[in-house]
Amino acid sequence: MKIAVIAGTPVDTQMGVELLKSRGAEALGFPISRTPEEQTAFQVGSQSAREAVTARQIAALGREYGLDIAQVDPALAQALTPRDALSLRSSVPLLEGALTPLFLSRAPLGGRPLRLEGTPERMTLVPM
Protein backbone atom coordinates (compact mmCIF):
# COMPACT_ATOMS: atom_id res chain seq x y z
CA MET A 1 0.00 0.00 0.00
CA LYS A 2 1.26 3.46 -0.86
CA ILE A 3 0.72 6.43 1.42
CA ALA A 4 0.54 9.93 -0.02
CA VAL A 5 2.08 12.77 1.92
CA ILE A 6 0.40 16.03 0.96
CA ALA A 7 2.12 18.84 2.78
CA GLY A 8 2.57 22.57 2.50
CA THR A 9 6.12 22.80 1.15
CA PRO A 10 8.62 20.44 -0.46
CA VAL A 11 10.66 20.36 2.77
CA ASP A 12 7.61 19.46 4.89
CA THR A 13 6.57 16.85 2.34
CA GLN A 14 10.00 15.23 2.24
CA MET A 15 10.12 15.08 6.04
CA GLY A 16 6.81 13.21 6.05
CA VAL A 17 7.93 10.83 3.32
CA GLU A 18 11.19 10.08 5.14
CA LEU A 19 9.36 9.46 8.41
CA LEU A 20 6.98 6.98 6.80
CA LYS A 21 9.79 5.25 4.90
CA SER A 22 11.80 4.92 8.10
CA ARG A 23 8.84 2.97 9.49
CA GLY A 24 8.69 0.64 6.50
CA ALA A 25 5.88 2.31 4.56
CA GLU A 26 5.94 3.17 0.87
CA ALA A 27 5.30 6.90 0.63
CA LEU A 28 4.86 9.39 -2.20
CA GLY A 29 5.23 13.12 -1.66
CA PHE A 30 2.96 15.81 -3.10
CA PRO A 31 3.87 19.31 -1.92
CA ILE A 32 1.10 21.83 -2.41
CA SER A 33 3.20 24.97 -2.22
CA ARG A 34 6.54 25.43 -3.91
CA THR A 35 7.90 27.73 -1.19
CA PRO A 36 7.17 28.76 2.40
CA GLU A 37 6.06 32.13 1.01
CA GLU A 38 3.42 30.44 -1.13
CA GLN A 39 2.24 28.50 1.93
CA THR A 40 1.95 31.75 3.88
CA ALA A 41 -0.03 33.31 1.03
CA PHE A 42 -2.72 30.71 1.65
CA GLN A 43 -2.93 31.65 5.28
CA VAL A 44 -3.07 35.41 4.79
CA GLY A 45 -3.69 35.76 1.06
CA SER A 46 -6.68 36.83 -0.93
CA GLN A 47 -9.60 34.53 -1.56
CA SER A 48 -8.53 34.08 -5.19
CA ALA A 49 -5.05 33.01 -4.05
CA ARG A 50 -6.62 30.51 -1.66
CA GLU A 51 -8.81 29.16 -4.47
CA ALA A 52 -5.74 28.64 -6.67
CA VAL A 53 -4.13 26.65 -3.86
CA THR A 54 -7.31 24.58 -3.51
CA ALA A 55 -7.16 23.77 -7.23
CA ARG A 56 -3.54 22.61 -6.80
CA GLN A 57 -4.54 20.50 -3.79
CA ILE A 58 -7.25 18.86 -5.87
CA ALA A 59 -4.75 18.09 -8.64
CA ALA A 60 -2.33 16.60 -6.09
CA LEU A 61 -5.05 14.44 -4.59
CA GLY A 62 -6.05 13.33 -8.08
CA ARG A 63 -2.47 12.23 -8.78
CA GLU A 64 -2.69 9.99 -5.71
CA TYR A 65 -5.46 8.13 -7.56
CA GLY A 66 -3.65 8.15 -10.92
CA LEU A 67 -5.78 10.98 -12.32
CA ASP A 68 -4.49 13.99 -14.25
CA ILE A 69 -6.76 16.81 -13.12
CA ALA A 70 -5.61 19.54 -15.45
CA GLN A 71 -8.37 22.02 -14.68
CA VAL A 72 -10.81 22.77 -11.87
CA ASP A 73 -13.89 24.84 -12.56
CA PRO A 74 -13.27 28.19 -10.79
CA ALA A 75 -16.75 28.20 -9.23
CA LEU A 76 -16.14 24.74 -7.80
CA ALA A 77 -12.70 25.74 -6.48
CA GLN A 78 -14.36 28.71 -4.80
CA ALA A 79 -17.05 26.51 -3.26
CA LEU A 80 -14.49 23.98 -1.96
CA THR A 81 -12.13 26.58 -0.47
CA PRO A 82 -12.71 26.87 3.27
CA ARG A 83 -13.05 30.48 4.30
CA ASP A 84 -11.77 29.92 7.83
CA ALA A 85 -8.98 27.37 7.33
CA LEU A 86 -6.07 28.00 9.62
CA SER A 87 -3.59 26.70 7.09
CA LEU A 88 -3.25 24.97 3.80
CA ARG A 89 -3.06 21.62 5.53
CA SER A 90 -6.26 22.08 7.49
CA SER A 91 -8.30 22.03 4.27
CA VAL A 92 -6.85 18.74 2.95
CA PRO A 93 -9.15 16.43 5.00
CA LEU A 94 -12.19 18.34 3.74
CA LEU A 95 -11.08 17.88 0.13
CA GLU A 96 -10.20 14.21 0.67
CA GLY A 97 -13.65 13.54 2.11
CA ALA A 98 -15.40 15.33 -0.74
CA LEU A 99 -13.31 13.98 -3.62
CA THR A 100 -12.17 10.47 -2.71
CA PRO A 101 -15.43 8.71 -3.72
CA LEU A 102 -15.41 10.45 -7.11
CA PHE A 103 -11.72 9.77 -7.68
CA LEU A 104 -12.09 6.09 -6.76
CA SER A 105 -14.95 5.70 -9.21
CA ARG A 106 -13.01 7.37 -12.02
CA ALA A 107 -9.51 5.99 -11.46
CA PRO A 108 -9.64 4.00 -14.74
CA LEU A 109 -9.42 7.36 -16.58
CA GLY A 110 -5.81 7.72 -15.49
CA GLY A 111 -3.44 9.32 -17.98
CA ARG A 112 -6.03 11.47 -19.73
CA PRO A 113 -6.28 15.15 -18.72
CA LEU A 114 -9.51 15.81 -16.85
CA ARG A 115 -11.56 18.84 -15.82
CA LEU A 116 -13.33 18.79 -12.46
CA GLU A 117 -16.64 20.62 -12.66
CA GLY A 118 -20.11 20.78 -11.16
CA THR A 119 -21.17 21.67 -7.65
CA PRO A 120 -19.86 20.27 -4.36
CA GLU A 121 -22.96 18.07 -4.20
CA ARG A 122 -22.63 16.85 -7.81
CA MET A 123 -19.01 16.88 -9.01
CA THR A 124 -17.93 15.23 -12.23
CA LEU A 125 -14.69 14.59 -14.09
CA VAL A 126 -14.82 15.37 -17.79
CA PRO A 127 -12.10 14.39 -20.27
CA MET A 128 -10.48 17.40 -21.89
C-alpha atoms as a PDB file:
ATOM      1  CA  MET A   1       0.000   0.000   0.000  1.00  0.00           C
ATOM      2  CA  LYS A   2       1.256   3.461  -0.859  1.00  0.00           C
ATOM      3  CA  ILE A   3       0.721   6.429   1.418  1.00  0.00           C
ATOM      4  CA  ALA A   4       0.537   9.931  -0.021  1.00  0.00           C
ATOM      5  CA  VAL A   5       2.076  12.766   1.923  1.00  0.00           C
ATOM      6  CA  ILE A   6       0.399  16.030   0.962  1.00  0.00           C
ATOM      7  CA  ALA A   7       2.124  18.841   2.781  1.00  0.00           C
ATOM      8  CA  GLY A   8       2.571  22.574   2.499  1.00  0.00           C
ATOM      9  CA  THR A   9       6.116  22.804   1.148  1.00  0.00           C
ATOM     10  CA  PRO A  10       8.625  20.439  -0.463  1.00  0.00           C
ATOM     11  CA  VAL A  11      10.657  20.357   2.771  1.00  0.00           C
ATOM     12  CA  ASP A  12       7.607  19.456   4.889  1.00  0.00           C
ATOM     13  CA  THR A  13       6.572  16.850   2.338  1.00  0.00           C
ATOM     14  CA  GLN A  14      10.005  15.232   2.243  1.00  0.00           C
ATOM     15  CA  MET A  15      10.119  15.084   6.044  1.00  0.00           C
ATOM     16  CA  GLY A  16       6.809  13.208   6.052  1.00  0.00           C
ATOM     17  CA  VAL A  17       7.934  10.832   3.315  1.00  0.00           C
ATOM     18  CA  GLU A  18      11.190  10.078   5.142  1.00  0.00           C
ATOM     19  CA  LEU A  19       9.361   9.464   8.413  1.00  0.00           C
ATOM     20  CA  LEU A  20       6.981   6.985   6.799  1.00  0.00           C
ATOM     21  CA  LYS A  21       9.790   5.246   4.895  1.00  0.00           C
ATOM     22  CA  SER A  22      11.799   4.922   8.103  1.00  0.00           C
ATOM     23  CA  ARG A  23       8.844   2.968   9.491  1.00  0.00           C
ATOM     24  CA  GLY A  24       8.695   0.640   6.504  1.00  0.00           C
ATOM     25  CA  ALA A  25       5.881   2.309   4.556  1.00  0.00           C
ATOM     26  CA  GLU A  26       5.941   3.167   0.868  1.00  0.00           C
ATOM     27  CA  ALA A  27       5.301   6.901   0.625  1.00  0.00           C
ATOM     28  CA  LEU A  28       4.862   9.386  -2.201  1.00  0.00           C
ATOM     29  CA  GLY A  29       5.228  13.124  -1.659  1.00  0.00           C
ATOM     30  CA  PHE A  30       2.957  15.807  -3.103  1.00  0.00           C
ATOM     31  CA  PRO A  31       3.874  19.310  -1.925  1.00  0.00           C
ATOM     32  CA  ILE A  32       1.098  21.831  -2.410  1.00  0.00           C
ATOM     33  CA  SER A  33       3.199  24.975  -2.224  1.00  0.00           C
ATOM     34  CA  ARG A  34       6.543  25.434  -3.906  1.00  0.00           C
ATOM     35  CA  THR A  35       7.900  27.732  -1.189  1.00  0.00           C
ATOM     36  CA  PRO A  36       7.172  28.758   2.396  1.00  0.00           C
ATOM     37  CA  GLU A  37       6.064  32.128   1.006  1.00  0.00           C
ATOM     38  CA  GLU A  38       3.425  30.443  -1.129  1.00  0.00           C
ATOM     39  CA  GLN A  39       2.243  28.504   1.928  1.00  0.00           C
ATOM     40  CA  THR A  40       1.951  31.754   3.880  1.00  0.00           C
ATOM     41  CA  ALA A  41      -0.028  33.313   1.035  1.00  0.00           C
ATOM     42  CA  PHE A  42      -2.717  30.712   1.645  1.00  0.00           C
ATOM     43  CA  GLN A  43      -2.935  31.654   5.278  1.00  0.00           C
ATOM     44  CA  VAL A  44      -3.072  35.410   4.785  1.00  0.00           C
ATOM     45  CA  GLY A  45      -3.690  35.759   1.057  1.00  0.00           C
ATOM     46  CA  SER A  46      -6.681  36.833  -0.929  1.00  0.00           C
ATOM     47  CA  GLN A  47      -9.599  34.530  -1.560  1.00  0.00           C
ATOM     48  CA  SER A  48      -8.528  34.082  -5.190  1.00  0.00           C
ATOM     49  CA  ALA A  49      -5.048  33.006  -4.053  1.00  0.00           C
ATOM     50  CA  ARG A  50      -6.620  30.508  -1.665  1.00  0.00           C
ATOM     51  CA  GLU A  51      -8.806  29.156  -4.471  1.00  0.00           C
ATOM     52  CA  ALA A  52      -5.738  28.643  -6.668  1.00  0.00           C
ATOM     53  CA  VAL A  53      -4.132  26.654  -3.859  1.00  0.00           C
ATOM     54  CA  THR A  54      -7.305  24.581  -3.512  1.00  0.00           C
ATOM     55  CA  ALA A  55      -7.156  23.769  -7.231  1.00  0.00           C
ATOM     56  CA  ARG A  56      -3.538  22.606  -6.805  1.00  0.00           C
ATOM     57  CA  GLN A  57      -4.537  20.502  -3.789  1.00  0.00           C
ATOM     58  CA  ILE A  58      -7.254  18.855  -5.872  1.00  0.00           C
ATOM     59  CA  ALA A  59      -4.752  18.094  -8.642  1.00  0.00           C
ATOM     60  CA  ALA A  60      -2.326  16.603  -6.086  1.00  0.00           C
ATOM     61  CA  LEU A  61      -5.047  14.435  -4.589  1.00  0.00           C
ATOM     62  CA  GLY A  62      -6.048  13.325  -8.076  1.00  0.00           C
ATOM     63  CA  ARG A  63      -2.465  12.228  -8.782  1.00  0.00           C
ATOM     64  CA  GLU A  64      -2.690   9.990  -5.715  1.00  0.00           C
ATOM     65  CA  TYR A  65      -5.463   8.128  -7.563  1.00  0.00           C
ATOM     66  CA  GLY A  66      -3.654   8.147 -10.915  1.00  0.00           C
ATOM     67  CA  LEU A  67      -5.775  10.977 -12.323  1.00  0.00           C
ATOM     68  CA  ASP A  68      -4.489  13.987 -14.253  1.00  0.00           C
ATOM     69  CA  ILE A  69      -6.756  16.813 -13.120  1.00  0.00           C
ATOM     70  CA  ALA A  70      -5.609  19.543 -15.455  1.00  0.00           C
ATOM     71  CA  GLN A  71      -8.374  22.022 -14.684  1.00  0.00           C
ATOM     72  CA  VAL A  72     -10.811  22.765 -11.866  1.00  0.00           C
ATOM     73  CA  ASP A  73     -13.889  24.837 -12.558  1.00  0.00           C
ATOM     74  CA  PRO A  74     -13.274  28.191 -10.795  1.00  0.00           C
ATOM     75  CA  ALA A  75     -16.750  28.204  -9.234  1.00  0.00           C
ATOM     76  CA  LEU A  76     -16.138  24.740  -7.799  1.00  0.00           C
ATOM     77  CA  ALA A  77     -12.697  25.739  -6.477  1.00  0.00           C
ATOM     78  CA  GLN A  78     -14.364  28.710  -4.800  1.00  0.00           C
ATOM     79  CA  ALA A  79     -17.055  26.510  -3.261  1.00  0.00           C
ATOM     80  CA  LEU A  80     -14.489  23.978  -1.959  1.00  0.00           C
ATOM     81  CA  THR A  81     -12.129  26.579  -0.474  1.00  0.00           C
ATOM     82  CA  PRO A  82     -12.711  26.869   3.266  1.00  0.00           C
ATOM     83  CA  ARG A  83     -13.053  30.478   4.298  1.00  0.00           C
ATOM     84  CA  ASP A  84     -11.768  29.918   7.831  1.00  0.00           C
ATOM     85  CA  ALA A  85      -8.985  27.369   7.326  1.00  0.00           C
ATOM     86  CA  LEU A  86      -6.071  28.003   9.622  1.00  0.00           C
ATOM     87  CA  SER A  87      -3.586  26.701   7.092  1.00  0.00           C
ATOM     88  CA  LEU A  88      -3.251  24.968   3.803  1.00  0.00           C
ATOM     89  CA  ARG A  89      -3.059  21.624   5.534  1.00  0.00           C
ATOM     90  CA  SER A  90      -6.265  22.081   7.487  1.00  0.00           C
ATOM     91  CA  SER A  91      -8.295  22.027   4.266  1.00  0.00           C
ATOM     92  CA  VAL A  92      -6.853  18.739   2.950  1.00  0.00           C
ATOM     93  CA  PRO A  93      -9.147  16.429   5.002  1.00  0.00           C
ATOM     94  CA  LEU A  94     -12.192  18.341   3.739  1.00  0.00           C
ATOM     95  CA  LEU A  95     -11.084  17.877   0.127  1.00  0.00           C
ATOM     96  CA  GLU A  96     -10.204  14.213   0.673  1.00  0.00           C
ATOM     97  CA  GLY A  97     -13.650  13.542   2.109  1.00  0.00           C
ATOM     98  CA  ALA A  98     -15.402  15.326  -0.739  1.00  0.00           C
ATOM     99  CA  LEU A  99     -13.311  13.976  -3.620  1.00  0.00           C
ATOM    100  CA  THR A 100     -12.169  10.468  -2.710  1.00  0.00           C
ATOM    101  CA  PRO A 101     -15.427   8.705  -3.717  1.00  0.00           C
ATOM    102  CA  LEU A 102     -15.408  10.445  -7.107  1.00  0.00           C
ATOM    103  CA  PHE A 103     -11.721   9.771  -7.677  1.00  0.00           C
ATOM    104  CA  LEU A 104     -12.085   6.095  -6.760  1.00  0.00           C
ATOM    105  CA  SER A 105     -14.953   5.701  -9.210  1.00  0.00           C
ATOM    106  CA  ARG A 106     -13.007   7.373 -12.020  1.00  0.00           C
ATOM    107  CA  ALA A 107      -9.512   5.991 -11.460  1.00  0.00           C
ATOM    108  CA  PRO A 108      -9.635   4.001 -14.745  1.00  0.00           C
ATOM    109  CA  LEU A 109      -9.422   7.357 -16.579  1.00  0.00           C
ATOM    110  CA  GLY A 110      -5.807   7.716 -15.494  1.00  0.00           C
ATOM    111  CA  GLY A 111      -3.442   9.316 -17.979  1.00  0.00           C
ATOM    112  CA  ARG A 112      -6.026  11.474 -19.728  1.00  0.00           C
ATOM    113  CA  PRO A 113      -6.277  15.152 -18.720  1.00  0.00           C
ATOM    114  CA  LEU A 114      -9.512  15.814 -16.850  1.00  0.00           C
ATOM    115  CA  ARG A 115     -11.556  18.841 -15.825  1.00  0.00           C
ATOM    116  CA  LEU A 116     -13.333  18.795 -12.460  1.00  0.00           C
ATOM    117  CA  GLU A 117     -16.643  20.624 -12.664  1.00  0.00           C
ATOM    118  CA  GLY A 118     -20.113  20.778 -11.163  1.00  0.00           C
ATOM    119  CA  THR A 119     -21.169  21.672  -7.646  1.00  0.00           C
ATOM    120  CA  PRO A 120     -19.856  20.270  -4.356  1.00  0.00           C
ATOM    121  CA  GLU A 121     -22.962  18.068  -4.204  1.00  0.00           C
ATOM    122  CA  ARG A 122     -22.629  16.848  -7.812  1.00  0.00           C
ATOM    123  CA  MET A 123     -19.015  16.883  -9.015  1.00  0.00           C
ATOM    124  CA  THR A 124     -17.933  15.235 -12.226  1.00  0.00           C
ATOM    125  CA  LEU A 125     -14.688  14.585 -14.087  1.00  0.00           C
ATOM    126  CA  VAL A 126     -14.816  15.369 -17.787  1.00  0.00           C
ATOM    127  CA  PRO A 127     -12.098  14.385 -20.267  1.00  0.00           C
ATOM    128  CA  MET A 128     -10.480  17.398 -21.889  1.00  0.00           C
END
